Amino acid sequence: MISSHPLIFLSIVNNIKMENSSRKNKFEYTGTLAEYQTVAKNLYVKYEVDKFSPYQNYLYKRALYGLNGLTQDELAKTCEKKKHRINKVYLKGQSVINEYKQKLTIAFTNTLFESLFPHSPITAYLLNDTDTDVNFKNTLNFKDLNIKKDDIICIFIEEGILPKNFMTLTNDPNQLPRLRNASKEKTV
């Protein structure tokens, strides 16, 4: 392999010699990250900013993850009936997501079979049978199927899992305003 590309091999050897000659010590690293810790440029990671309010994210997580989306404090404060309602919405959301994943998978496999085997009887059968199975659990993740958070939210709104005015919500409309003196203890 090395003898078939002698020019590439010689350039690699020359680069290694140049790197070694610039070193003061044998153990000193002179690569591209040599001054990573000594020169502090941008040592933080900038994450993607979510366009949804905290209340919208709360509703989304509650619908997508159910009781697992709640903190331990919220779970302790929640009554049993509300836990039952959250679980019911969660199960409905999971069945809707499963059906959506199956539709995407069926559409992908149909285009694949149609392009690879256009005149096959199996392809004709697959193209005619596009029903989803409620008993089958699609285990592909959202990233593999290219499903984004906005897609899930749109599906949840269409199915009634999230409210119709979900995109305009900024805070909990059911939350009562706090009284000014509610935190002070009464001294009698």
N, C-alpha and C. Protein backbone atom coordinates (compact mmCIF):
# COMPACT_ATOMS: atom_id res chain seq x y z
N MET A 1 0.82 -1.19 0.00
CA MET A 1 0.00 0.00 0.00
C MET A 1 0.86 1.25 0.00
N ILE A 2 1.90 1.25 0.81
CA ILE A 2 2.77 2.42 0.88
C ILE A 2 3.56 2.57 -0.40
N SER A 3 4.00 1.48 -1.00
CA SER A 3 4.79 1.56 -2.22
C SER A 3 3.97 2.02 -3.42
N SER A 4 2.65 1.87 -3.38
CA SER A 4 1.83 2.28 -4.52
C SER A 4 1.66 3.79 -4.57
N HIS A 5 1.86 4.47 -3.46
CA HIS A 5 1.73 5.93 -3.42
C HIS A 5 2.97 6.53 -2.75
N PRO A 6 4.12 6.52 -3.43
CA PRO A 6 5.35 6.99 -2.77
C PRO A 6 5.33 8.49 -2.49
N LEU A 7 4.66 9.29 -3.30
CA LEU A 7 4.63 10.73 -3.06
C LEU A 7 3.84 11.08 -1.81
N ILE A 8 2.74 10.39 -1.61
CA ILE A 8 1.94 10.63 -0.42
C ILE A 8 2.71 10.21 0.83
N PHE A 9 3.38 9.07 0.75
CA PHE A 9 4.16 8.58 1.88
C PHE A 9 5.28 9.57 2.22
N LEU A 10 5.97 10.10 1.22
CA LEU A 10 7.05 11.05 1.48
C LEU A 10 6.52 12.35 2.09
N SER A 11 5.35 12.81 1.64
CA SER A 11 4.81 14.05 2.21
C SER A 11 4.40 13.84 3.67
N ILE A 12 3.89 12.67 4.00
CA ILE A 12 3.52 12.38 5.38
C ILE A 12 4.77 12.33 6.26
N VAL A 13 5.81 11.70 5.77
CA VAL A 13 7.07 11.61 6.52
C VAL A 13 7.65 13.00 6.74
N ASN A 14 7.62 13.86 5.72
CA ASN A 14 8.14 15.22 5.86
C ASN A 14 7.33 16.02 6.87
N ASN A 15 6.01 15.86 6.87
CA ASN A 15 5.18 16.57 7.84
C ASN A 15 5.51 16.13 9.26
N ILE A 16 5.71 14.85 9.46
CA ILE A 16 6.06 14.34 10.79
C ILE A 16 7.41 14.89 11.22
N LYS A 17 8.38 14.95 10.31
CA LYS A 17 9.71 15.48 10.66
C LYS A 17 9.62 16.95 11.04
N MET A 18 8.78 17.72 10.30
CA MET A 18 8.64 19.15 10.61
C MET A 18 7.98 19.35 11.97
N GLU A 19 6.98 18.53 12.29
CA GLU A 19 6.34 18.63 13.59
C GLU A 19 7.31 18.29 14.71
N ASN A 20 8.12 17.26 14.50
CA ASN A 20 9.09 16.85 15.52
C ASN A 20 10.17 17.89 15.70
N SER A 21 10.55 18.60 14.64
CA SER A 21 11.62 19.58 14.77
C SER A 21 11.15 20.83 15.52
N SER A 22 9.84 21.14 15.50
CA SER A 22 9.33 22.31 16.21
C SER A 22 9.09 22.03 17.69
N ARG A 23 9.17 20.80 18.11
CA ARG A 23 8.96 20.43 19.50
C ARG A 23 10.19 20.73 20.33
N LYS A 24 9.94 21.14 21.58
CA LYS A 24 11.05 21.34 22.50
C LYS A 24 11.38 20.03 23.20
N ASN A 25 10.32 19.31 23.52
CA ASN A 25 10.49 18.02 24.19
C ASN A 25 9.83 16.93 23.37
N LYS A 26 10.21 15.73 23.66
CA LYS A 26 9.69 14.58 22.95
C LYS A 26 8.20 14.36 23.20
N PHE A 27 7.72 14.71 24.38
CA PHE A 27 6.35 14.46 24.78
C PHE A 27 5.43 15.65 24.51
N GLU A 28 5.92 16.74 23.96
CA GLU A 28 5.12 17.94 23.73
C GLU A 28 4.20 17.76 22.51
N TYR A 29 2.95 18.14 22.68
CA TYR A 29 1.96 18.02 21.61
C TYR A 29 1.93 19.32 20.81
N THR A 30 2.04 19.20 19.48
CA THR A 30 2.04 20.39 18.63
C THR A 30 0.94 20.34 17.58
N GLY A 31 -0.11 19.61 17.85
CA GLY A 31 -1.20 19.48 16.89
C GLY A 31 -2.11 20.71 16.87
N THR A 32 -3.28 20.54 16.27
CA THR A 32 -4.20 21.67 16.11
C THR A 32 -4.80 22.13 17.42
N LEU A 33 -4.85 21.27 18.43
CA LEU A 33 -5.40 21.65 19.73
C LEU A 33 -4.32 21.93 20.76
N ALA A 34 -3.14 22.28 20.31
CA ALA A 34 -2.02 22.47 21.22
C ALA A 34 -2.27 23.61 22.20
N GLU A 35 -2.90 24.69 21.76
CA GLU A 35 -3.13 25.83 22.63
C GLU A 35 -4.60 25.96 23.01
N TYR A 36 -5.31 24.88 23.05
CA TYR A 36 -6.74 24.92 23.36
C TYR A 36 -7.01 25.46 24.76
N GLN A 37 -6.26 24.98 25.72
CA GLN A 37 -6.52 25.40 27.10
C GLN A 37 -5.80 26.69 27.46
N THR A 38 -4.73 27.03 26.77
CA THR A 38 -4.00 28.24 27.13
C THR A 38 -4.63 29.50 26.53
N VAL A 39 -5.27 29.37 25.37
CA VAL A 39 -5.92 30.51 24.74
C VAL A 39 -7.42 30.34 24.89
N ALA A 40 -8.05 31.16 25.72
CA ALA A 40 -9.48 31.02 25.99
C ALA A 40 -10.27 31.88 25.02
N LYS A 41 -10.73 31.29 23.94
CA LYS A 41 -11.57 32.01 22.99
C LYS A 41 -13.02 31.76 23.34
N ASN A 42 -13.60 30.74 22.79
CA ASN A 42 -14.97 30.35 23.10
C ASN A 42 -14.94 28.94 23.64
N LEU A 43 -14.87 28.82 24.94
CA LEU A 43 -14.79 27.52 25.57
C LEU A 43 -16.16 27.01 26.00
N TYR A 44 -17.22 27.67 25.58
CA TYR A 44 -18.56 27.22 25.93
C TYR A 44 -19.27 26.76 24.66
N VAL A 45 -20.24 25.93 24.84
CA VAL A 45 -21.02 25.41 23.73
C VAL A 45 -22.32 26.20 23.65
N LYS A 46 -22.64 26.70 22.48
CA LYS A 46 -23.88 27.44 22.30
C LYS A 46 -24.94 26.46 21.82
N TYR A 47 -25.95 26.26 22.65
CA TYR A 47 -27.01 25.32 22.33
C TYR A 47 -28.10 26.00 21.53
N GLU A 48 -28.89 25.18 20.86
CA GLU A 48 -30.00 25.69 20.07
C GLU A 48 -31.06 26.26 21.01
N VAL A 49 -31.51 27.47 20.71
CA VAL A 49 -32.51 28.12 21.55
C VAL A 49 -33.89 27.66 21.10
N ASP A 50 -34.69 27.26 22.06
CA ASP A 50 -36.03 26.77 21.78
C ASP A 50 -36.96 27.96 21.63
N LYS A 51 -37.84 27.92 20.64
CA LYS A 51 -38.75 29.04 20.39
C LYS A 51 -40.02 28.97 21.23
N PHE A 52 -40.16 27.94 22.04
CA PHE A 52 -41.36 27.76 22.84
C PHE A 52 -41.16 28.28 24.26
N SER A 53 -42.26 28.72 24.86
CA SER A 53 -42.22 29.23 26.23
C SER A 53 -42.08 28.06 27.20
N PRO A 54 -41.71 28.35 28.45
CA PRO A 54 -41.60 27.25 29.42
C PRO A 54 -42.92 26.50 29.62
N TYR A 55 -44.04 27.21 29.57
CA TYR A 55 -45.33 26.54 29.73
C TYR A 55 -45.63 25.64 28.54
N GLN A 56 -45.27 26.09 27.33
CA GLN A 56 -45.46 25.25 26.15
C GLN A 56 -44.59 24.00 26.23
N ASN A 57 -43.35 24.17 26.67
CA ASN A 57 -42.47 23.00 26.85
C ASN A 57 -43.01 22.06 27.92
N TYR A 58 -43.60 22.62 28.97
CA TYR A 58 -44.20 21.80 30.02
C TYR A 58 -45.33 20.94 29.45
N LEU A 59 -46.22 21.57 28.67
CA LEU A 59 -47.32 20.82 28.08
C LEU A 59 -46.82 19.76 27.10
N TYR A 60 -45.82 20.12 26.31
CA TYR A 60 -45.25 19.19 25.33
C TYR A 60 -44.63 17.98 26.03
N LYS A 61 -43.83 18.24 27.05
CA LYS A 61 -43.17 17.14 27.77
C LYS A 61 -44.19 16.27 28.49
N ARG A 62 -45.23 16.90 29.02
CA ARG A 62 -46.26 16.15 29.72
C ARG A 62 -46.99 15.23 28.75
N ALA A 63 -47.22 15.70 27.50
CA ALA A 63 -47.91 14.87 26.51
C ALA A 63 -46.98 13.80 25.96
N LEU A 64 -45.70 14.12 25.78
CA LEU A 64 -44.76 13.19 25.16
C LEU A 64 -44.21 12.17 26.16
N TYR A 65 -43.92 12.60 27.38
CA TYR A 65 -43.28 11.72 28.36
C TYR A 65 -44.20 11.28 29.49
N GLY A 66 -45.36 11.87 29.61
CA GLY A 66 -46.31 11.49 30.66
C GLY A 66 -45.80 11.89 32.03
N LEU A 67 -45.97 11.01 32.99
CA LEU A 67 -45.54 11.29 34.36
C LEU A 67 -44.02 11.36 34.49
N ASN A 68 -43.30 10.76 33.54
CA ASN A 68 -41.83 10.83 33.57
C ASN A 68 -41.33 12.23 33.23
N GLY A 69 -42.17 13.07 32.61
CA GLY A 69 -41.78 14.43 32.27
C GLY A 69 -41.94 15.39 33.43
N LEU A 70 -42.52 14.95 34.52
CA LEU A 70 -42.72 15.80 35.69
C LEU A 70 -41.58 15.61 36.68
N THR A 71 -41.29 16.67 37.42
CA THR A 71 -40.28 16.56 38.47
C THR A 71 -40.88 15.84 39.66
N GLN A 72 -40.04 15.45 40.60
CA GLN A 72 -40.50 14.74 41.79
C GLN A 72 -41.42 15.62 42.64
N ASP A 73 -41.12 16.93 42.69
CA ASP A 73 -41.96 17.84 43.47
C ASP A 73 -43.36 17.96 42.85
N GLU A 74 -43.40 18.12 41.53
CA GLU A 74 -44.69 18.22 40.84
C GLU A 74 -45.48 16.92 40.99
N LEU A 75 -44.78 15.83 40.92
CA LEU A 75 -45.44 14.53 41.04
C LEU A 75 -46.02 14.34 42.44
N ALA A 76 -45.31 14.82 43.45
CA ALA A 76 -45.80 14.69 44.82
C ALA A 76 -47.02 15.59 45.06
N LYS A 77 -47.07 16.75 44.40
CA LYS A 77 -48.18 17.69 44.60
C LYS A 77 -49.42 17.33 43.77
N THR A 78 -49.24 16.50 42.75
CA THR A 78 -50.33 16.18 41.84
C THR A 78 -51.26 15.13 42.45
N CYS A 79 -52.58 15.37 42.31
CA CYS A 79 -53.54 14.41 42.83
C CYS A 79 -53.65 13.21 41.89
N GLU A 80 -54.26 12.16 42.38
CA GLU A 80 -54.35 10.91 41.62
C GLU A 80 -55.17 11.05 40.34
N LYS A 81 -56.22 11.87 40.37
CA LYS A 81 -57.05 12.05 39.18
C LYS A 81 -56.28 12.75 38.07
N LYS A 82 -55.48 13.74 38.46
CA LYS A 82 -54.68 14.43 37.46
C LYS A 82 -53.60 13.51 36.90
N LYS A 83 -53.02 12.68 37.75
CA LYS A 83 -52.03 11.71 37.27
C LYS A 83 -52.67 10.75 36.27
N HIS A 84 -53.90 10.36 36.55
CA HIS A 84 -54.63 9.47 35.63
C HIS A 84 -54.88 10.17 34.29
N ARG A 85 -55.26 11.46 34.33
CA ARG A 85 -55.50 12.20 33.09
C ARG A 85 -54.21 12.38 32.30
N ILE A 86 -53.11 12.68 32.99
CA ILE A 86 -51.82 12.83 32.32
C ILE A 86 -51.41 11.52 31.66
N ASN A 87 -51.60 10.42 32.35
CA ASN A 87 -51.26 9.11 31.81
C ASN A 87 -52.12 8.77 30.59
N LYS A 88 -53.40 9.14 30.64
CA LYS A 88 -54.31 8.88 29.53
C LYS A 88 -53.88 9.68 28.29
N VAL A 89 -53.52 10.95 28.48
CA VAL A 89 -53.04 11.78 27.37
C VAL A 89 -51.72 11.23 26.83
N TYR A 90 -50.85 10.79 27.72
CA TYR A 90 -49.56 10.21 27.32
C TYR A 90 -49.76 8.97 26.45
N LEU A 91 -50.66 8.07 26.87
CA LEU A 91 -50.90 6.85 26.08
C LEU A 91 -51.50 7.17 24.72
N LYS A 92 -52.39 8.15 24.66
CA LYS A 92 -52.95 8.56 23.38
C LYS A 92 -51.85 9.16 22.49
N GLY A 93 -51.00 9.97 23.09
CA GLY A 93 -49.89 10.56 22.33
C GLY A 93 -48.94 9.52 21.79
N GLN A 94 -48.64 8.49 22.57
CA GLN A 94 -47.75 7.43 22.12
C GLN A 94 -48.35 6.65 20.97
N SER A 95 -49.66 6.40 21.03
CA SER A 95 -50.30 5.67 19.92
C SER A 95 -50.32 6.52 18.66
N VAL A 96 -50.52 7.83 18.80
CA VAL A 96 -50.52 8.72 17.62
C VAL A 96 -49.11 8.79 17.02
N ILE A 97 -48.10 8.89 17.87
CA ILE A 97 -46.72 8.94 17.38
C ILE A 97 -46.35 7.62 16.70
N ASN A 98 -46.77 6.50 17.28
CA ASN A 98 -46.48 5.20 16.69
C ASN A 98 -47.11 5.09 15.30
N GLU A 99 -48.34 5.55 15.18
CA GLU A 99 -49.02 5.50 13.88
C GLU A 99 -48.31 6.41 12.87
N TYR A 100 -47.88 7.58 13.30
CA TYR A 100 -47.16 8.50 12.41
C TYR A 100 -45.83 7.89 11.96
N LYS A 101 -45.11 7.27 12.89
CA LYS A 101 -43.85 6.60 12.54
C LYS A 101 -44.08 5.48 11.53
N GLN A 102 -45.16 4.72 11.72
CA GLN A 102 -45.47 3.64 10.78
C GLN A 102 -45.78 4.21 9.40
N LYS A 103 -46.53 5.31 9.33
CA LYS A 103 -46.85 5.92 8.03
C LYS A 103 -45.58 6.39 7.33
N LEU A 104 -44.67 7.00 8.07
CA LEU A 104 -43.40 7.44 7.47
C LEU A 104 -42.58 6.24 6.99
N THR A 105 -42.53 5.19 7.79
CA THR A 105 -41.77 4.00 7.42
C THR A 105 -42.37 3.33 6.19
N ILE A 106 -43.69 3.25 6.13
CA ILE A 106 -44.37 2.65 4.97
C ILE A 106 -44.11 3.48 3.72
N ALA A 107 -44.17 4.80 3.84
CA ALA A 107 -43.92 5.67 2.68
C ALA A 107 -42.48 5.51 2.19
N PHE A 108 -41.53 5.41 3.13
CA PHE A 108 -40.13 5.24 2.74
C PHE A 108 -39.90 3.90 2.06
N THR A 109 -40.44 2.83 2.64
CA THR A 109 -40.22 1.51 2.04
C THR A 109 -40.93 1.38 0.69
N ASN A 110 -42.09 2.03 0.56
CA ASN A 110 -42.78 1.99 -0.73
C ASN A 110 -41.97 2.66 -1.82
N THR A 111 -41.38 3.82 -1.52
CA THR A 111 -40.55 4.49 -2.53
C THR A 111 -39.29 3.68 -2.82
N LEU A 112 -38.75 3.04 -1.80
CA LEU A 112 -37.56 2.22 -1.99
C LEU A 112 -37.86 1.03 -2.90
N PHE A 113 -38.93 0.28 -2.59
CA PHE A 113 -39.28 -0.88 -3.41
C PHE A 113 -39.70 -0.46 -4.82
N GLU A 114 -40.37 0.67 -4.94
CA GLU A 114 -40.82 1.13 -6.25
C GLU A 114 -39.64 1.53 -7.13
N SER A 115 -38.59 2.08 -6.53
CA SER A 115 -37.43 2.46 -7.32
C SER A 115 -36.52 1.27 -7.63
N LEU A 116 -36.42 0.30 -6.69
CA LEU A 116 -35.54 -0.84 -6.92
C LEU A 116 -36.20 -1.96 -7.73
N PHE A 117 -37.46 -2.24 -7.44
CA PHE A 117 -38.18 -3.34 -8.09
C PHE A 117 -39.52 -2.83 -8.65
N PRO A 118 -39.49 -2.07 -9.74
CA PRO A 118 -40.72 -1.42 -10.21
C PRO A 118 -41.79 -2.39 -10.73
N HIS A 119 -41.42 -3.52 -11.28
CA HIS A 119 -42.41 -4.42 -11.91
C HIS A 119 -42.59 -5.72 -11.13
N SER A 120 -42.20 -5.73 -9.88
CA SER A 120 -42.31 -6.93 -9.07
C SER A 120 -43.71 -7.05 -8.47
N PRO A 121 -44.23 -8.28 -8.37
CA PRO A 121 -45.55 -8.44 -7.73
C PRO A 121 -45.53 -8.12 -6.23
N ILE A 122 -44.38 -8.31 -5.59
CA ILE A 122 -44.27 -7.95 -4.17
C ILE A 122 -44.38 -6.44 -4.00
N THR A 123 -43.78 -5.70 -4.91
CA THR A 123 -43.87 -4.25 -4.86
C THR A 123 -45.31 -3.78 -5.06
N ALA A 124 -46.00 -4.40 -5.98
CA ALA A 124 -47.41 -4.05 -6.20
C ALA A 124 -48.23 -4.33 -4.95
N TYR A 125 -47.97 -5.44 -4.29
CA TYR A 125 -48.69 -5.78 -3.06
C TYR A 125 -48.38 -4.76 -1.95
N LEU A 126 -47.10 -4.39 -1.80
CA LEU A 126 -46.73 -3.42 -0.77
C LEU A 126 -47.32 -2.04 -1.03
N LEU A 127 -47.38 -1.65 -2.30
CA LEU A 127 -47.95 -0.35 -2.62
C LEU A 127 -49.45 -0.30 -2.36
N ASN A 128 -50.13 -1.43 -2.51
CA ASN A 128 -51.57 -1.47 -2.27
C ASN A 128 -51.90 -1.55 -0.78
N ASP A 129 -51.03 -2.16 0.01
CA ASP A 129 -51.30 -2.36 1.43
C ASP A 129 -50.53 -1.32 2.24
N THR A 130 -51.19 -0.21 2.57
CA THR A 130 -50.54 0.85 3.34
C THR A 130 -51.20 1.07 4.69
N ASP A 131 -51.84 0.04 5.21
CA ASP A 131 -52.51 0.16 6.51
C ASP A 131 -51.49 0.05 7.64
N THR A 132 -51.76 0.76 8.72
CA THR A 132 -50.90 0.67 9.90
C THR A 132 -51.48 -0.37 10.86
N ASP A 133 -50.64 -0.89 11.71
CA ASP A 133 -51.04 -1.92 12.67
C ASP A 133 -50.93 -1.33 14.08
N VAL A 134 -52.02 -1.28 14.80
CA VAL A 134 -52.00 -0.70 16.14
C VAL A 134 -51.27 -1.60 17.14
N ASN A 135 -51.13 -2.87 16.84
CA ASN A 135 -50.45 -3.80 17.74
C ASN A 135 -48.93 -3.79 17.55
N PHE A 136 -48.45 -3.23 16.43
CA PHE A 136 -47.02 -3.18 16.15
C PHE A 136 -46.44 -1.90 16.74
N LYS A 137 -45.34 -2.03 17.49
CA LYS A 137 -44.68 -0.86 18.06
C LYS A 137 -43.45 -0.53 17.23
N ASN A 138 -43.47 0.64 16.60
CA ASN A 138 -42.35 1.10 15.79
C ASN A 138 -41.28 1.63 16.72
N THR A 139 -40.08 1.01 16.69
CA THR A 139 -39.02 1.37 17.64
C THR A 139 -37.98 2.30 17.04
N LEU A 140 -38.19 2.78 15.81
CA LEU A 140 -37.24 3.74 15.23
C LEU A 140 -37.33 5.06 15.97
N ASN A 141 -36.20 5.72 16.13
CA ASN A 141 -36.22 6.98 16.87
C ASN A 141 -36.53 8.15 15.94
N PHE A 142 -36.77 9.30 16.54
CA PHE A 142 -37.17 10.48 15.78
C PHE A 142 -36.07 10.95 14.83
N LYS A 143 -34.84 10.81 15.24
CA LYS A 143 -33.72 11.27 14.41
C LYS A 143 -33.60 10.44 13.14
N ASP A 144 -33.77 9.13 13.25
CA ASP A 144 -33.69 8.27 12.07
C ASP A 144 -34.81 8.57 11.07
N LEU A 145 -35.97 8.92 11.58
CA LEU A 145 -37.11 9.21 10.72
C LEU A 145 -37.21 10.69 10.35
N ASN A 146 -36.26 11.48 10.84
CA ASN A 146 -36.20 12.92 10.56
C ASN A 146 -37.48 13.62 11.05
N ILE A 147 -37.90 13.28 12.24
CA ILE A 147 -39.07 13.91 12.86
C ILE A 147 -38.57 14.98 13.82
N LYS A 148 -39.06 16.19 13.64
CA LYS A 148 -38.66 17.32 14.48
C LYS A 148 -39.73 17.59 15.54
N LYS A 149 -39.38 18.42 16.50
CA LYS A 149 -40.29 18.78 17.58
C LYS A 149 -41.54 19.47 17.02
N ASP A 150 -41.37 20.32 16.01
CA ASP A 150 -42.50 21.01 15.40
C ASP A 150 -43.47 20.03 14.76
N ASP A 151 -42.95 18.97 14.15
CA ASP A 151 -43.83 17.95 13.54
C ASP A 151 -44.69 17.28 14.61
N ILE A 152 -44.07 16.93 15.72
CA ILE A 152 -44.81 16.26 16.80
C ILE A 152 -45.87 17.20 17.37
N ILE A 153 -45.52 18.46 17.54
CA ILE A 153 -46.47 19.43 18.08
C ILE A 153 -47.66 19.58 17.14
N CYS A 154 -47.40 19.67 15.83
CA CYS A 154 -48.51 19.78 14.86
C CYS A 154 -49.42 18.56 14.91
N ILE A 155 -48.84 17.38 15.02
CA ILE A 155 -49.64 16.15 15.11
C ILE A 155 -50.47 16.15 16.40
N PHE A 156 -49.84 16.55 17.51
CA PHE A 156 -50.56 16.58 18.78
C PHE A 156 -51.71 17.59 18.75
N ILE A 157 -51.52 18.71 18.08
CA ILE A 157 -52.60 19.71 17.98
C ILE A 157 -53.73 19.17 17.12
N GLU A 158 -53.38 18.51 16.00
CA GLU A 158 -54.41 17.95 15.12
C GLU A 158 -55.23 16.87 15.82
N GLU A 159 -54.57 16.07 16.66
CA GLU A 159 -55.26 14.98 17.34
C GLU A 159 -55.95 15.41 18.64
N GLY A 160 -55.77 16.66 19.05
CA GLY A 160 -56.41 17.15 20.26
C GLY A 160 -55.65 16.83 21.53
N ILE A 161 -54.42 16.38 21.41
CA ILE A 161 -53.61 16.09 22.59
C ILE A 161 -53.11 17.40 23.20
N LEU A 162 -52.71 18.33 22.36
CA LEU A 162 -52.36 19.67 22.80
C LEU A 162 -53.49 20.62 22.39
N PRO A 163 -53.68 21.71 23.10
CA PRO A 163 -54.78 22.62 22.77
C PRO A 163 -54.57 23.32 21.42
N LYS A 164 -55.67 23.76 20.82
CA LYS A 164 -55.60 24.44 19.51
C LYS A 164 -54.80 25.73 19.58
N ASN A 165 -54.85 26.41 20.72
CA ASN A 165 -54.12 27.66 20.88
C ASN A 165 -52.72 27.47 21.47
N PHE A 166 -52.14 26.30 21.28
CA PHE A 166 -50.85 25.96 21.87
C PHE A 166 -49.76 26.94 21.44
N MET A 167 -49.77 27.36 20.19
CA MET A 167 -48.71 28.24 19.67
C MET A 167 -48.77 29.65 20.28
N THR A 168 -49.91 30.03 20.82
CA THR A 168 -50.04 31.37 21.40
C THR A 168 -49.91 31.39 22.91
N LEU A 169 -49.84 30.23 23.54
CA LEU A 169 -49.74 30.18 25.01
C LEU A 169 -48.37 30.66 25.47
N THR A 170 -48.37 31.49 26.50
CA THR A 170 -47.10 31.92 27.08
C THR A 170 -47.00 31.50 28.55
N ASN A 171 -48.14 31.50 29.25
CA ASN A 171 -48.14 31.03 30.63
C ASN A 171 -49.43 30.28 30.90
N ASP A 172 -49.49 29.64 32.04
CA ASP A 172 -50.63 28.81 32.40
C ASP A 172 -51.87 29.68 32.62
N PRO A 173 -52.91 29.52 31.79
CA PRO A 173 -54.11 30.35 31.98
C PRO A 173 -54.90 29.96 33.22
N ASN A 174 -54.68 28.78 33.76
CA ASN A 174 -55.40 28.33 34.95
C ASN A 174 -54.73 28.72 36.25
N GLN A 175 -53.53 29.27 36.15
CA GLN A 175 -52.79 29.61 37.36
C GLN A 175 -53.40 30.87 37.98
N LEU A 176 -53.71 30.79 39.23
CA LEU A 176 -54.30 31.93 39.93
C LEU A 176 -53.23 32.95 40.26
N PRO A 177 -53.58 34.23 40.24
CA PRO A 177 -52.58 35.24 40.63
C PRO A 177 -52.26 35.11 42.11
N ARG A 178 -51.04 35.35 42.44
CA ARG A 178 -50.58 35.24 43.83
C ARG A 178 -51.03 36.47 44.62
N LEU A 179 -51.43 36.24 45.84
CA LEU A 179 -51.80 37.34 46.72
C LEU A 179 -50.55 37.95 47.31
N ARG A 180 -50.61 39.25 47.54
CA ARG A 180 -49.43 39.94 48.05
C ARG A 180 -49.01 39.42 49.42
N ASN A 181 -49.96 39.21 50.26
CA ASN A 181 -49.65 38.82 51.63
C ASN A 181 -49.74 37.32 51.86
N ALA A 182 -49.78 36.53 50.82
CA ALA A 182 -49.93 35.08 50.98
C ALA A 182 -48.71 34.44 51.61
N SER A 183 -47.54 34.99 51.37
CA SER A 183 -46.32 34.36 51.91
C SER A 183 -46.07 34.76 53.36
N LYS A 184 -46.67 35.88 53.81
CA LYS A 184 -46.46 36.31 55.20
C LYS A 184 -47.35 35.53 56.13
N GLU A 185 -46.82 35.19 57.25
CA GLU A 185 -47.62 34.49 58.25
C GLU A 185 -48.47 35.48 59.03
N LYS A 186 -49.65 35.05 59.37
CA LYS A 186 -50.54 35.91 60.16
C LYS A 186 -50.04 35.90 61.61
N THR A 187 -49.91 37.06 62.12
CA THR A 187 -49.54 37.18 63.54
C THR A 187 -50.76 37.65 64.30
N VAL A 188 -51.27 36.82 65.17
CA VAL A 188 -52.46 37.15 65.94
C VAL A 188 -52.15 37.16 67.40
